[in-house]
Amino acid sequence: MNIELIWRSEEDVRLAAAIWRPGPGWRMISSALVGGGIGPASWVLNAQVPGGYSRLDPVAHLSELADDFGLSGPGVGMLTAAAVERLVTRSDEGAEVTATVGLRVPTWAAAPPDATDPELAPIQVGTVNIVVSVPVALSDAALVNAVITATEAKTQAMLEAGYPGTGTASDAICVAAPASGPPEPFAGPRSVWGARIARAVHAAVHAGALDYTSRLQRGC
């Protein structure tokens, strides 16, 4: 993935945005605010927002940013309060991954009904946004399977890095694959492409988690 890092100023804060412009001919599955679901997409935007983000119209905000960055047509847009300039990239035999890793509020998915997360907000400082790209077409089922595989690998990386949680409450993911060609039917962790996705996601999130820990220890 050829990732552009673009800077902007918002609320007197200098913020980074990571943009991937693969162009037409791609299908993506995403949990993002913009471009969620399965469909064609030609760009991915992962934009940093200030800590304590309070806008109640994040979809409109992402649309504004996409226009500002010259992104047109269908795409995927994510927001995070994590440091986007600390983006981590990893690859494994054709599977490529970028991740922004903020883990201020690690969260267990299956928590008691009365559990609350401190500083819980729609866009947390603790957010893990993951973008996966593979060079082969994936069936709808394989796209869903790839999301599961990537999520499992993210959780494994967090636990190995010492974070007590399966993720954070505001994590987002996008998996991109070519729209044409014979589709791969599987993307579980023991399939060819699922295994590559898992290793690349694990490597990216683990490196990002260790970097996050190091910055916390330095008071950055």
N, C-alpha and C. Protein backbone atom coordinates (compact mmCIF):
# COMPACT_ATOMS: atom_id res chain seq x y z
N MET A 1 0.84 -1.20 0.00
CA MET A 1 0.00 0.00 0.00
C MET A 1 0.87 1.25 0.00
N ASN A 2 0.55 2.16 -0.88
CA ASN A 2 1.26 3.43 -0.92
C ASN A 2 0.48 4.44 -0.08
N ILE A 3 0.92 4.65 1.16
CA ILE A 3 0.19 5.49 2.11
C ILE A 3 0.74 6.91 2.09
N GLU A 4 -0.15 7.88 1.92
CA GLU A 4 0.23 9.30 2.03
C GLU A 4 -0.09 9.77 3.45
N LEU A 5 0.82 10.53 4.01
CA LEU A 5 0.58 11.16 5.31
C LEU A 5 0.41 12.66 5.07
N ILE A 6 -0.78 13.16 5.37
CA ILE A 6 -1.10 14.57 5.12
C ILE A 6 -1.43 15.23 6.45
N TRP A 7 -0.92 16.44 6.62
CA TRP A 7 -1.13 17.16 7.88
C TRP A 7 -2.16 18.28 7.69
N ARG A 8 -2.91 18.54 8.74
CA ARG A 8 -3.87 19.65 8.75
C ARG A 8 -3.91 20.22 10.16
N SER A 9 -4.53 21.38 10.30
CA SER A 9 -4.70 22.00 11.61
C SER A 9 -6.19 22.05 11.94
N GLU A 10 -6.52 21.63 13.15
CA GLU A 10 -7.91 21.62 13.60
C GLU A 10 -7.93 21.94 15.08
N GLU A 11 -8.73 22.93 15.45
CA GLU A 11 -8.78 23.39 16.85
C GLU A 11 -7.38 23.74 17.35
N ASP A 12 -6.59 24.35 16.48
CA ASP A 12 -5.21 24.76 16.78
C ASP A 12 -4.30 23.58 17.12
N VAL A 13 -4.67 22.39 16.66
CA VAL A 13 -3.86 21.20 16.87
C VAL A 13 -3.42 20.66 15.51
N ARG A 14 -2.15 20.32 15.38
CA ARG A 14 -1.64 19.75 14.14
C ARG A 14 -1.94 18.26 14.13
N LEU A 15 -2.67 17.81 13.11
CA LEU A 15 -3.16 16.44 13.07
C LEU A 15 -2.78 15.79 11.74
N ALA A 16 -2.56 14.48 11.79
CA ALA A 16 -2.18 13.73 10.60
C ALA A 16 -3.35 12.91 10.08
N ALA A 17 -3.33 12.66 8.79
CA ALA A 17 -4.29 11.75 8.16
C ALA A 17 -3.51 10.83 7.23
N ALA A 18 -3.83 9.54 7.29
CA ALA A 18 -3.22 8.56 6.41
C ALA A 18 -4.20 8.22 5.29
N ILE A 19 -3.75 8.32 4.05
CA ILE A 19 -4.63 8.11 2.90
C ILE A 19 -4.02 7.06 1.98
N TRP A 20 -4.86 6.11 1.57
CA TRP A 20 -4.49 5.12 0.57
C TRP A 20 -5.44 5.30 -0.61
N ARG A 21 -4.87 5.47 -1.80
CA ARG A 21 -5.68 5.70 -3.00
C ARG A 21 -5.41 4.58 -4.02
N PRO A 22 -5.96 3.39 -3.81
CA PRO A 22 -5.71 2.32 -4.78
C PRO A 22 -6.41 2.53 -6.11
N GLY A 23 -7.44 3.39 -6.14
CA GLY A 23 -8.19 3.64 -7.36
C GLY A 23 -9.30 2.63 -7.56
N PRO A 24 -9.95 2.66 -8.72
CA PRO A 24 -11.07 1.75 -8.96
C PRO A 24 -10.61 0.30 -9.09
N GLY A 25 -11.58 -0.61 -9.03
CA GLY A 25 -11.27 -2.02 -9.21
C GLY A 25 -11.06 -2.78 -7.91
N TRP A 26 -11.50 -2.18 -6.79
CA TRP A 26 -11.34 -2.82 -5.49
C TRP A 26 -12.69 -2.98 -4.80
N ARG A 27 -12.81 -4.07 -4.03
CA ARG A 27 -13.94 -4.26 -3.13
C ARG A 27 -13.41 -4.24 -1.71
N MET A 28 -14.18 -3.62 -0.82
CA MET A 28 -13.74 -3.54 0.56
C MET A 28 -14.88 -3.89 1.51
N ILE A 29 -14.50 -4.48 2.63
CA ILE A 29 -15.41 -4.69 3.73
C ILE A 29 -14.89 -3.87 4.89
N SER A 30 -15.79 -3.16 5.56
CA SER A 30 -15.33 -2.27 6.63
C SER A 30 -16.40 -2.08 7.69
N SER A 31 -15.93 -1.79 8.90
CA SER A 31 -16.82 -1.40 9.99
C SER A 31 -16.77 0.11 10.21
N ALA A 32 -16.15 0.84 9.28
CA ALA A 32 -15.93 2.27 9.46
C ALA A 32 -17.22 3.08 9.36
N LEU A 33 -17.17 4.30 9.86
CA LEU A 33 -18.33 5.20 9.82
C LEU A 33 -18.74 5.51 8.39
N VAL A 34 -17.76 5.71 7.53
CA VAL A 34 -18.02 5.97 6.10
C VAL A 34 -17.54 4.77 5.31
N GLY A 35 -18.40 4.27 4.43
CA GLY A 35 -18.03 3.12 3.61
C GLY A 35 -18.13 1.79 4.32
N GLY A 36 -18.91 1.73 5.40
CA GLY A 36 -19.08 0.47 6.10
C GLY A 36 -19.86 -0.54 5.28
N GLY A 37 -19.65 -1.83 5.58
CA GLY A 37 -20.29 -2.89 4.82
C GLY A 37 -19.36 -3.42 3.74
N ILE A 38 -19.94 -4.04 2.71
CA ILE A 38 -19.17 -4.59 1.59
C ILE A 38 -19.56 -3.85 0.32
N GLY A 39 -18.57 -3.40 -0.43
CA GLY A 39 -18.88 -2.72 -1.68
C GLY A 39 -17.63 -2.19 -2.34
N PRO A 40 -17.78 -1.59 -3.53
CA PRO A 40 -16.62 -1.00 -4.22
C PRO A 40 -16.13 0.23 -3.47
N ALA A 41 -14.83 0.42 -3.50
CA ALA A 41 -14.22 1.60 -2.87
C ALA A 41 -12.88 1.85 -3.53
N SER A 42 -12.52 3.12 -3.65
CA SER A 42 -11.27 3.48 -4.33
C SER A 42 -10.30 4.23 -3.43
N TRP A 43 -10.66 4.44 -2.18
CA TRP A 43 -9.75 5.11 -1.25
C TRP A 43 -10.09 4.74 0.19
N VAL A 44 -9.08 4.91 1.06
CA VAL A 44 -9.25 4.71 2.50
C VAL A 44 -8.61 5.89 3.22
N LEU A 45 -9.35 6.49 4.14
CA LEU A 45 -8.88 7.63 4.92
C LEU A 45 -8.92 7.26 6.40
N ASN A 46 -7.79 7.43 7.08
CA ASN A 46 -7.70 7.23 8.52
C ASN A 46 -7.23 8.56 9.11
N ALA A 47 -8.16 9.34 9.66
CA ALA A 47 -7.86 10.72 10.06
C ALA A 47 -7.82 10.86 11.57
N GLN A 48 -6.80 11.54 12.04
CA GLN A 48 -6.68 11.82 13.47
C GLN A 48 -7.54 13.03 13.84
N VAL A 49 -8.15 12.94 15.03
CA VAL A 49 -8.92 14.05 15.58
C VAL A 49 -8.34 14.40 16.94
N PRO A 50 -8.64 15.60 17.45
CA PRO A 50 -8.10 15.97 18.76
C PRO A 50 -8.63 15.08 19.87
N GLY A 51 -7.86 14.91 20.93
CA GLY A 51 -8.34 14.21 22.11
C GLY A 51 -9.55 14.94 22.67
N GLY A 52 -10.51 14.17 23.20
CA GLY A 52 -11.74 14.78 23.67
C GLY A 52 -12.65 15.21 22.55
N TYR A 53 -12.54 14.56 21.41
CA TYR A 53 -13.35 14.87 20.23
C TYR A 53 -14.83 14.92 20.61
N SER A 54 -15.50 16.00 20.24
CA SER A 54 -16.88 16.18 20.71
C SER A 54 -17.89 16.42 19.59
N ARG A 55 -17.45 16.37 18.33
CA ARG A 55 -18.41 16.57 17.25
C ARG A 55 -19.43 15.43 17.23
N LEU A 56 -20.68 15.77 16.98
CA LEU A 56 -21.74 14.77 16.95
C LEU A 56 -22.10 14.36 15.53
N ASP A 57 -21.32 14.83 14.55
CA ASP A 57 -21.57 14.52 13.15
C ASP A 57 -20.31 13.95 12.48
N PRO A 58 -19.77 12.84 13.00
CA PRO A 58 -18.51 12.33 12.45
C PRO A 58 -18.59 11.94 10.98
N VAL A 59 -19.76 11.50 10.51
CA VAL A 59 -19.88 11.16 9.09
C VAL A 59 -19.72 12.41 8.23
N ALA A 60 -20.39 13.49 8.63
CA ALA A 60 -20.25 14.75 7.91
C ALA A 60 -18.80 15.25 7.99
N HIS A 61 -18.18 15.09 9.13
CA HIS A 61 -16.79 15.51 9.31
C HIS A 61 -15.88 14.75 8.34
N LEU A 62 -16.07 13.43 8.26
CA LEU A 62 -15.26 12.64 7.34
C LEU A 62 -15.50 13.04 5.89
N SER A 63 -16.74 13.35 5.56
CA SER A 63 -17.05 13.80 4.20
C SER A 63 -16.34 15.10 3.89
N GLU A 64 -16.29 16.01 4.86
CA GLU A 64 -15.57 17.27 4.69
C GLU A 64 -14.08 17.01 4.46
N LEU A 65 -13.51 16.12 5.26
CA LEU A 65 -12.09 15.81 5.11
C LEU A 65 -11.80 15.16 3.77
N ALA A 66 -12.68 14.25 3.34
CA ALA A 66 -12.48 13.61 2.05
C ALA A 66 -12.48 14.64 0.93
N ASP A 67 -13.39 15.60 0.99
CA ASP A 67 -13.42 16.66 -0.02
C ASP A 67 -12.13 17.48 0.03
N ASP A 68 -11.69 17.81 1.24
CA ASP A 68 -10.46 18.60 1.40
C ASP A 68 -9.25 17.88 0.80
N PHE A 69 -9.23 16.55 0.90
CA PHE A 69 -8.09 15.78 0.43
C PHE A 69 -8.26 15.31 -1.01
N GLY A 70 -9.33 15.73 -1.68
CA GLY A 70 -9.53 15.37 -3.07
C GLY A 70 -9.95 13.93 -3.28
N LEU A 71 -10.64 13.36 -2.30
CA LEU A 71 -11.09 11.98 -2.40
C LEU A 71 -12.53 11.97 -2.90
N SER A 72 -12.76 11.36 -4.05
CA SER A 72 -14.11 11.34 -4.63
C SER A 72 -14.54 9.91 -4.90
N GLY A 73 -15.84 9.72 -5.08
CA GLY A 73 -16.36 8.39 -5.30
C GLY A 73 -16.44 7.61 -4.00
N PRO A 74 -16.79 6.33 -4.08
CA PRO A 74 -16.93 5.55 -2.87
C PRO A 74 -15.59 5.30 -2.19
N GLY A 75 -15.58 5.32 -0.88
CA GLY A 75 -14.37 5.08 -0.12
C GLY A 75 -14.69 4.73 1.31
N VAL A 76 -13.66 4.54 2.09
CA VAL A 76 -13.80 4.16 3.50
C VAL A 76 -13.12 5.23 4.35
N GLY A 77 -13.84 5.73 5.35
CA GLY A 77 -13.30 6.77 6.22
C GLY A 77 -13.39 6.40 7.68
N MET A 78 -12.26 6.55 8.39
CA MET A 78 -12.17 6.25 9.82
C MET A 78 -11.63 7.47 10.55
N LEU A 79 -12.00 7.58 11.83
CA LEU A 79 -11.45 8.59 12.71
C LEU A 79 -10.76 7.93 13.90
N THR A 80 -9.76 8.59 14.43
CA THR A 80 -9.08 8.10 15.62
C THR A 80 -8.44 9.26 16.34
N ALA A 81 -8.32 9.15 17.66
CA ALA A 81 -7.56 10.13 18.42
C ALA A 81 -6.13 9.63 18.67
N ALA A 82 -5.82 8.43 18.17
CA ALA A 82 -4.45 7.93 18.26
C ALA A 82 -3.55 8.70 17.31
N ALA A 83 -2.25 8.62 17.54
CA ALA A 83 -1.28 9.36 16.74
C ALA A 83 -1.11 8.70 15.37
N VAL A 84 -1.74 9.26 14.36
CA VAL A 84 -1.70 8.66 13.02
C VAL A 84 -0.28 8.69 12.44
N GLU A 85 0.53 9.66 12.84
CA GLU A 85 1.89 9.68 12.31
C GLU A 85 2.71 8.49 12.81
N ARG A 86 2.22 7.76 13.82
CA ARG A 86 2.89 6.56 14.33
C ARG A 86 2.38 5.31 13.60
N LEU A 87 1.75 5.50 12.46
CA LEU A 87 1.23 4.39 11.66
C LEU A 87 2.28 3.30 11.50
N VAL A 88 1.84 2.05 11.68
CA VAL A 88 2.73 0.90 11.52
C VAL A 88 2.32 0.13 10.28
N THR A 89 3.28 -0.24 9.45
CA THR A 89 2.99 -1.04 8.25
C THR A 89 3.76 -2.36 8.34
N ARG A 90 3.09 -3.42 7.95
CA ARG A 90 3.72 -4.75 7.91
C ARG A 90 3.15 -5.52 6.72
N SER A 91 3.90 -6.48 6.21
CA SER A 91 3.43 -7.30 5.10
C SER A 91 3.86 -8.75 5.30
N ASP A 92 3.14 -9.65 4.64
CA ASP A 92 3.48 -11.07 4.73
C ASP A 92 3.04 -11.75 3.44
N GLU A 93 3.99 -12.00 2.57
CA GLU A 93 3.75 -12.72 1.31
C GLU A 93 2.56 -12.18 0.53
N GLY A 94 2.50 -10.86 0.38
CA GLY A 94 1.46 -10.23 -0.43
C GLY A 94 0.34 -9.60 0.37
N ALA A 95 0.14 -10.03 1.60
CA ALA A 95 -0.84 -9.38 2.47
C ALA A 95 -0.18 -8.16 3.11
N GLU A 96 -0.82 -7.00 2.96
CA GLU A 96 -0.26 -5.76 3.49
C GLU A 96 -1.20 -5.18 4.53
N VAL A 97 -0.62 -4.61 5.59
CA VAL A 97 -1.42 -4.09 6.70
C VAL A 97 -0.84 -2.77 7.16
N THR A 98 -1.74 -1.82 7.44
CA THR A 98 -1.37 -0.62 8.18
C THR A 98 -2.26 -0.55 9.41
N ALA A 99 -1.69 -0.07 10.51
CA ALA A 99 -2.46 0.03 11.75
C ALA A 99 -2.04 1.26 12.52
N THR A 100 -3.04 1.96 13.05
CA THR A 100 -2.79 3.00 14.05
C THR A 100 -3.24 2.42 15.37
N VAL A 101 -2.37 2.50 16.37
CA VAL A 101 -2.60 1.77 17.62
C VAL A 101 -2.58 2.73 18.80
N GLY A 102 -3.76 2.92 19.40
CA GLY A 102 -3.89 3.65 20.65
C GLY A 102 -4.61 2.75 21.64
N LEU A 103 -4.02 2.58 22.82
CA LEU A 103 -4.55 1.58 23.76
C LEU A 103 -4.76 2.17 25.15
N ARG A 104 -5.23 3.39 25.20
CA ARG A 104 -5.44 4.02 26.50
C ARG A 104 -6.54 3.33 27.29
N VAL A 105 -7.55 2.80 26.59
CA VAL A 105 -8.66 2.13 27.28
C VAL A 105 -8.87 0.74 26.67
N PRO A 106 -7.98 -0.23 26.97
CA PRO A 106 -8.21 -1.59 26.48
C PRO A 106 -9.48 -2.15 27.10
N THR A 107 -10.24 -2.91 26.31
CA THR A 107 -11.57 -3.33 26.72
C THR A 107 -11.76 -4.80 26.42
N TRP A 108 -12.40 -5.51 27.36
CA TRP A 108 -12.81 -6.89 27.10
C TRP A 108 -14.15 -6.87 26.38
N ALA A 109 -14.25 -7.62 25.30
CA ALA A 109 -15.50 -7.63 24.54
C ALA A 109 -16.66 -8.14 25.40
N ALA A 110 -16.47 -9.25 26.09
CA ALA A 110 -17.54 -9.83 26.92
C ALA A 110 -17.36 -9.35 28.35
N ALA A 111 -17.87 -8.16 28.61
CA ALA A 111 -17.77 -7.56 29.94
C ALA A 111 -19.13 -7.67 30.63
N PRO A 112 -19.15 -7.59 31.97
CA PRO A 112 -20.44 -7.60 32.68
C PRO A 112 -21.33 -6.46 32.22
N PRO A 113 -22.66 -6.62 32.30
CA PRO A 113 -23.57 -5.58 31.79
C PRO A 113 -23.43 -4.24 32.48
N ASP A 114 -22.91 -4.21 33.70
CA ASP A 114 -22.77 -2.95 34.42
C ASP A 114 -21.36 -2.36 34.31
N ALA A 115 -20.52 -2.98 33.48
CA ALA A 115 -19.15 -2.48 33.33
C ALA A 115 -19.14 -1.20 32.52
N THR A 116 -18.31 -0.26 32.92
CA THR A 116 -18.14 0.99 32.18
C THR A 116 -16.66 1.20 31.92
N ASP A 117 -16.35 1.79 30.78
CA ASP A 117 -14.97 2.10 30.44
C ASP A 117 -14.71 3.56 30.77
N PRO A 118 -13.59 3.88 31.45
CA PRO A 118 -13.28 5.27 31.72
C PRO A 118 -13.06 6.05 30.44
N GLU A 119 -13.52 7.27 30.42
CA GLU A 119 -13.32 8.18 29.28
C GLU A 119 -13.93 7.62 28.00
N LEU A 120 -14.99 6.80 28.15
CA LEU A 120 -15.60 6.23 26.96
C LEU A 120 -16.24 7.33 26.13
N ALA A 121 -15.91 7.34 24.85
CA ALA A 121 -16.44 8.34 23.92
C ALA A 121 -16.50 7.70 22.55
N PRO A 122 -17.24 8.29 21.59
CA PRO A 122 -17.30 7.70 20.25
C PRO A 122 -15.93 7.53 19.60
N ILE A 123 -15.05 8.50 19.80
CA ILE A 123 -13.70 8.41 19.26
C ILE A 123 -12.72 8.50 20.42
N GLN A 124 -12.15 7.39 20.82
CA GLN A 124 -11.28 7.36 21.97
C GLN A 124 -9.83 7.63 21.59
N VAL A 125 -9.05 8.07 22.60
CA VAL A 125 -7.60 8.09 22.42
C VAL A 125 -7.11 6.66 22.21
N GLY A 126 -7.78 5.71 22.86
CA GLY A 126 -7.44 4.31 22.67
C GLY A 126 -8.26 3.72 21.54
N THR A 127 -7.74 3.71 20.34
CA THR A 127 -8.43 3.12 19.19
C THR A 127 -7.41 2.40 18.33
N VAL A 128 -7.77 1.23 17.84
CA VAL A 128 -6.93 0.50 16.90
C VAL A 128 -7.66 0.45 15.56
N ASN A 129 -7.15 1.16 14.58
CA ASN A 129 -7.70 1.13 13.22
C ASN A 129 -6.77 0.31 12.33
N ILE A 130 -7.33 -0.66 11.63
CA ILE A 130 -6.54 -1.58 10.82
C ILE A 130 -7.04 -1.56 9.37
N VAL A 131 -6.11 -1.48 8.43
CA VAL A 131 -6.42 -1.60 7.01
C VAL A 131 -5.60 -2.75 6.45
N VAL A 132 -6.28 -3.68 5.80
CA VAL A 132 -5.66 -4.87 5.22
C VAL A 132 -5.86 -4.85 3.71
N SER A 133 -4.84 -5.20 2.97
CA SER A 133 -4.94 -5.32 1.51
C SER A 133 -4.36 -6.66 1.07
N VAL A 134 -5.09 -7.36 0.21
CA VAL A 134 -4.56 -8.58 -0.40
C VAL A 134 -4.67 -8.46 -1.92
N PRO A 135 -3.82 -9.14 -2.68
CA PRO A 135 -3.81 -8.99 -4.14
C PRO A 135 -4.72 -9.96 -4.87
N VAL A 136 -5.55 -10.70 -4.13
CA VAL A 136 -6.45 -11.67 -4.75
C VAL A 136 -7.89 -11.34 -4.38
N ALA A 137 -8.82 -11.68 -5.27
CA ALA A 137 -10.23 -11.47 -4.98
C ALA A 137 -10.68 -12.39 -3.85
N LEU A 138 -11.62 -11.90 -3.05
CA LEU A 138 -12.18 -12.69 -1.96
C LEU A 138 -13.70 -12.71 -2.11
N SER A 139 -14.30 -13.86 -1.87
CA SER A 139 -15.75 -13.95 -1.86
C SER A 139 -16.30 -13.14 -0.69
N ASP A 140 -17.61 -12.90 -0.69
CA ASP A 140 -18.21 -12.18 0.44
C ASP A 140 -17.92 -12.90 1.75
N ALA A 141 -18.07 -14.21 1.73
CA ALA A 141 -17.82 -14.98 2.95
C ALA A 141 -16.36 -14.86 3.39
N ALA A 142 -15.44 -14.88 2.43
CA ALA A 142 -14.02 -14.76 2.76
C ALA A 142 -13.69 -13.37 3.29
N LEU A 143 -14.36 -12.34 2.78
CA LEU A 143 -14.15 -11.00 3.33
C LEU A 143 -14.56 -10.95 4.80
N VAL A 144 -15.72 -11.52 5.11
CA VAL A 144 -16.15 -11.57 6.51
C VAL A 144 -15.16 -12.38 7.33
N ASN A 145 -14.73 -13.51 6.79
CA ASN A 145 -13.76 -14.36 7.47
C ASN A 145 -12.46 -13.61 7.72
N ALA A 146 -12.03 -12.78 6.76
CA ALA A 146 -10.80 -12.00 6.92
C ALA A 146 -10.91 -11.02 8.08
N VAL A 147 -12.10 -10.42 8.26
CA VAL A 147 -12.30 -9.52 9.39
C VAL A 147 -12.15 -10.28 10.71
N ILE A 148 -12.73 -11.48 10.78
CA ILE A 148 -12.60 -12.29 11.99
C ILE A 148 -11.13 -12.62 12.25
N THR A 149 -10.44 -13.08 11.21
CA THR A 149 -9.04 -13.45 11.34
C THR A 149 -8.19 -12.28 11.81
N ALA A 150 -8.40 -11.11 11.20
CA ALA A 150 -7.62 -9.93 11.58
C ALA A 150 -7.91 -9.52 13.03
N THR A 151 -9.16 -9.64 13.43
CA THR A 151 -9.53 -9.27 14.80
C THR A 151 -8.89 -10.22 15.81
N GLU A 152 -8.90 -11.51 15.49
CA GLU A 152 -8.25 -12.48 16.38
C GLU A 152 -6.75 -12.19 16.50
N ALA A 153 -6.12 -11.85 15.37
CA ALA A 153 -4.69 -11.55 15.38
C ALA A 153 -4.40 -10.27 16.17
N LYS A 154 -5.28 -9.29 16.06
CA LYS A 154 -5.14 -8.05 16.84
C LYS A 154 -5.18 -8.37 18.33
N THR A 155 -6.16 -9.17 18.74
CA THR A 155 -6.29 -9.50 20.15
C THR A 155 -5.08 -10.27 20.65
N GLN A 156 -4.60 -11.23 19.85
CA GLN A 156 -3.40 -11.98 20.23
C GLN A 156 -2.23 -11.03 20.45
N ALA A 157 -2.07 -10.07 19.55
CA ALA A 157 -0.96 -9.11 19.66
C ALA A 157 -1.09 -8.26 20.91
N MET A 158 -2.31 -7.80 21.21
CA MET A 158 -2.52 -6.99 22.41
C MET A 158 -2.16 -7.76 23.67
N LEU A 159 -2.64 -8.99 23.77
CA LEU A 159 -2.36 -9.79 24.96
C LEU A 159 -0.88 -10.07 25.10
N GLU A 160 -0.22 -10.38 23.99
CA GLU A 160 1.23 -10.64 24.04
C GLU A 160 2.01 -9.40 24.40
N ALA A 161 1.47 -8.22 24.08
CA ALA A 161 2.14 -6.96 24.43
C ALA A 161 1.80 -6.51 25.84
N GLY A 162 0.96 -7.27 26.55
CA GLY A 162 0.68 -6.97 27.95
C GLY A 162 -0.55 -6.14 28.20
N TYR A 163 -1.45 -6.03 27.22
CA TYR A 163 -2.66 -5.23 27.40
C TYR A 163 -3.85 -6.13 27.72
N PRO A 164 -4.54 -5.88 28.83
CA PRO A 164 -5.64 -6.75 29.26
C PRO A 164 -6.94 -6.41 28.56
N GLY A 165 -7.11 -6.88 27.34
CA GLY A 165 -8.33 -6.60 26.60
C GLY A 165 -8.31 -7.27 25.25
N THR A 166 -9.47 -7.33 24.62
CA THR A 166 -9.58 -7.90 23.28
C THR A 166 -9.50 -6.84 22.20
N GLY A 167 -9.51 -5.58 22.60
CA GLY A 167 -9.46 -4.46 21.68
C GLY A 167 -9.85 -3.22 22.43
N THR A 168 -10.41 -2.23 21.73
CA THR A 168 -11.01 -1.08 22.40
C THR A 168 -12.43 -0.94 21.86
N ALA A 169 -13.22 -0.12 22.53
CA ALA A 169 -14.63 -0.01 22.17
C ALA A 169 -14.86 0.74 20.86
N SER A 170 -13.83 1.35 20.30
CA SER A 170 -14.02 2.14 19.07
C SER A 170 -13.14 1.70 17.92
N ASP A 171 -12.62 0.46 17.97
CA ASP A 171 -11.77 -0.04 16.89
C ASP A 171 -12.54 -0.11 15.57
N ALA A 172 -11.81 0.07 14.47
CA ALA A 172 -12.40 -0.08 13.13
C ALA A 172 -11.45 -0.86 12.25
N ILE A 173 -12.02 -1.48 11.21
CA ILE A 173 -11.21 -2.30 10.31
C ILE A 173 -11.70 -2.15 8.88
N CYS A 174 -10.78 -2.35 7.95
CA CYS A 174 -11.11 -2.38 6.52
C CYS A 174 -10.24 -3.44 5.87
N VAL A 175 -10.86 -4.32 5.09
CA VAL A 175 -10.13 -5.32 4.30
C VAL A 175 -10.44 -5.06 2.84
N ALA A 176 -9.40 -4.93 2.03
CA ALA A 176 -9.54 -4.61 0.61
C ALA A 176 -9.00 -5.73 -0.25
N ALA A 177 -9.73 -6.02 -1.35
CA ALA A 177 -9.32 -7.07 -2.29
C ALA A 177 -9.74 -6.65 -3.69
N PRO A 178 -9.04 -7.12 -4.73
CA PRO A 178 -9.45 -6.80 -6.09
C PRO A 178 -10.87 -7.26 -6.37
N ALA A 179 -11.58 -6.48 -7.18
CA ALA A 179 -12.96 -6.81 -7.50
C ALA A 179 -13.07 -7.89 -8.57
N SER A 180 -12.01 -8.12 -9.33
CA SER A 180 -12.06 -9.09 -10.43
C SER A 180 -11.13 -10.25 -10.15
N GLY A 181 -11.39 -11.34 -10.84
CA GLY A 181 -10.58 -12.53 -10.68
C GLY A 181 -11.32 -13.60 -9.92
N PRO A 182 -10.85 -14.85 -10.00
CA PRO A 182 -11.49 -15.93 -9.25
C PRO A 182 -11.39 -15.67 -7.75
N PRO A 183 -12.52 -15.61 -7.05
CA PRO A 183 -12.45 -15.27 -5.63
C PRO A 183 -11.99 -16.43 -4.75
N GLU A 184 -11.12 -16.13 -3.83
CA GLU A 184 -10.75 -17.10 -2.81
C GLU A 184 -11.95 -17.33 -1.90
N PRO A 185 -12.26 -18.59 -1.57
CA PRO A 185 -13.45 -18.84 -0.76
C PRO A 185 -13.21 -18.77 0.75
N PHE A 186 -11.94 -18.78 1.16
CA PHE A 186 -11.63 -18.85 2.59
C PHE A 186 -10.62 -17.77 2.97
N ALA A 187 -10.73 -17.28 4.21
CA ALA A 187 -9.71 -16.38 4.75
C ALA A 187 -9.55 -16.60 6.25
N GLY A 188 -9.83 -17.81 6.70
CA GLY A 188 -9.58 -18.16 8.09
C GLY A 188 -8.09 -18.27 8.36
N PRO A 189 -7.70 -18.37 9.62
CA PRO A 189 -6.27 -18.31 9.96
C PRO A 189 -5.44 -19.49 9.46
N ARG A 190 -6.08 -20.56 9.00
CA ARG A 190 -5.31 -21.67 8.44
C ARG A 190 -5.44 -21.77 6.93
N SER A 191 -6.12 -20.82 6.31
CA SER A 191 -6.12 -20.73 4.85
C SER A 191 -4.86 -19.98 4.41
N VAL A 192 -4.56 -20.06 3.13
CA VAL A 192 -3.33 -19.41 2.64
C VAL A 192 -3.35 -17.91 2.92
N TRP A 193 -4.42 -17.22 2.47
CA TRP A 193 -4.43 -15.77 2.61
C TRP A 193 -4.83 -15.34 4.02
N GLY A 194 -5.65 -16.11 4.69
CA GLY A 194 -5.98 -15.78 6.06
C GLY A 194 -4.76 -15.84 6.97
N ALA A 195 -3.92 -16.86 6.78
CA ALA A 195 -2.70 -16.97 7.58
C ALA A 195 -1.78 -15.77 7.36
N ARG A 196 -1.69 -15.33 6.10
CA ARG A 196 -0.83 -14.18 5.81
C ARG A 196 -1.40 -12.91 6.42
N ILE A 197 -2.72 -12.75 6.33
CA ILE A 197 -3.37 -11.60 6.97
C ILE A 197 -3.11 -11.61 8.47
N ALA A 198 -3.29 -12.78 9.09
CA ALA A 198 -3.11 -12.88 10.53
C ALA A 198 -1.69 -12.50 10.95
N ARG A 199 -0.71 -13.00 10.23
CA ARG A 199 0.67 -12.69 10.61
C ARG A 199 0.99 -11.21 10.44
N ALA A 200 0.49 -10.62 9.34
CA ALA A 200 0.77 -9.20 9.10
C ALA A 200 0.06 -8.32 10.12
N VAL A 201 -1.21 -8.62 10.42
CA VAL A 201 -1.93 -7.84 11.43
C VAL A 201 -1.27 -7.99 12.78
N HIS A 202 -0.93 -9.21 13.15
CA HIS A 202 -0.29 -9.44 14.44
C HIS A 202 0.99 -8.63 14.56
N ALA A 203 1.82 -8.67 13.51
CA ALA A 203 3.09 -7.94 13.55
C ALA A 203 2.87 -6.44 13.67
N ALA A 204 1.90 -5.90 12.93
CA ALA A 204 1.65 -4.46 12.96
C ALA A 204 1.11 -4.02 14.31
N VAL A 205 0.10 -4.72 14.82
CA VAL A 205 -0.51 -4.31 16.09
C VAL A 205 0.46 -4.53 17.25
N HIS A 206 1.22 -5.62 17.23
CA HIS A 206 2.18 -5.86 18.30
C HIS A 206 3.23 -4.75 18.34
N ALA A 207 3.75 -4.39 17.16
CA ALA A 207 4.75 -3.31 17.11
C ALA A 207 4.13 -2.00 17.57
N GLY A 208 2.89 -1.72 17.14
CA GLY A 208 2.22 -0.49 17.55
C GLY A 208 1.95 -0.46 19.05
N ALA A 209 1.59 -1.60 19.62
CA ALA A 209 1.33 -1.67 21.06
C ALA A 209 2.60 -1.43 21.86
N LEU A 210 3.71 -2.02 21.43
CA LEU A 210 4.97 -1.80 22.14
C LEU A 210 5.42 -0.35 22.01
N ASP A 211 5.21 0.24 20.84
CA ASP A 211 5.53 1.66 20.66
C ASP A 211 4.67 2.53 21.56
N TYR A 212 3.38 2.18 21.68
CA TYR A 212 2.47 2.93 22.55
C TYR A 212 2.94 2.84 24.01
N THR A 213 3.34 1.64 24.44
CA THR A 213 3.84 1.46 25.81
C THR A 213 5.08 2.29 26.04
N SER A 214 5.99 2.29 25.07
CA SER A 214 7.24 3.04 25.20
C SER A 214 6.96 4.54 25.34
N ARG A 215 6.00 5.05 24.55
CA ARG A 215 5.68 6.47 24.62
C ARG A 215 5.03 6.83 25.95
N LEU A 216 4.20 5.92 26.48
CA LEU A 216 3.60 6.17 27.79
C LEU A 216 4.67 6.25 28.87
N GLN A 217 5.64 5.36 28.80
CA GLN A 217 6.72 5.33 29.79
C GLN A 217 7.59 6.58 29.72
N ARG A 218 7.71 7.14 28.50
CA ARG A 218 8.49 8.36 28.32
C ARG A 218 7.68 9.61 28.57
N GLY A 219 6.38 9.44 28.78
CA GLY A 219 5.51 10.58 28.99
C GLY A 219 5.22 11.35 27.74
N CYS A 220 5.27 10.69 26.57
CA CYS A 220 5.04 11.37 25.29
C CYS A 220 3.55 11.44 24.99
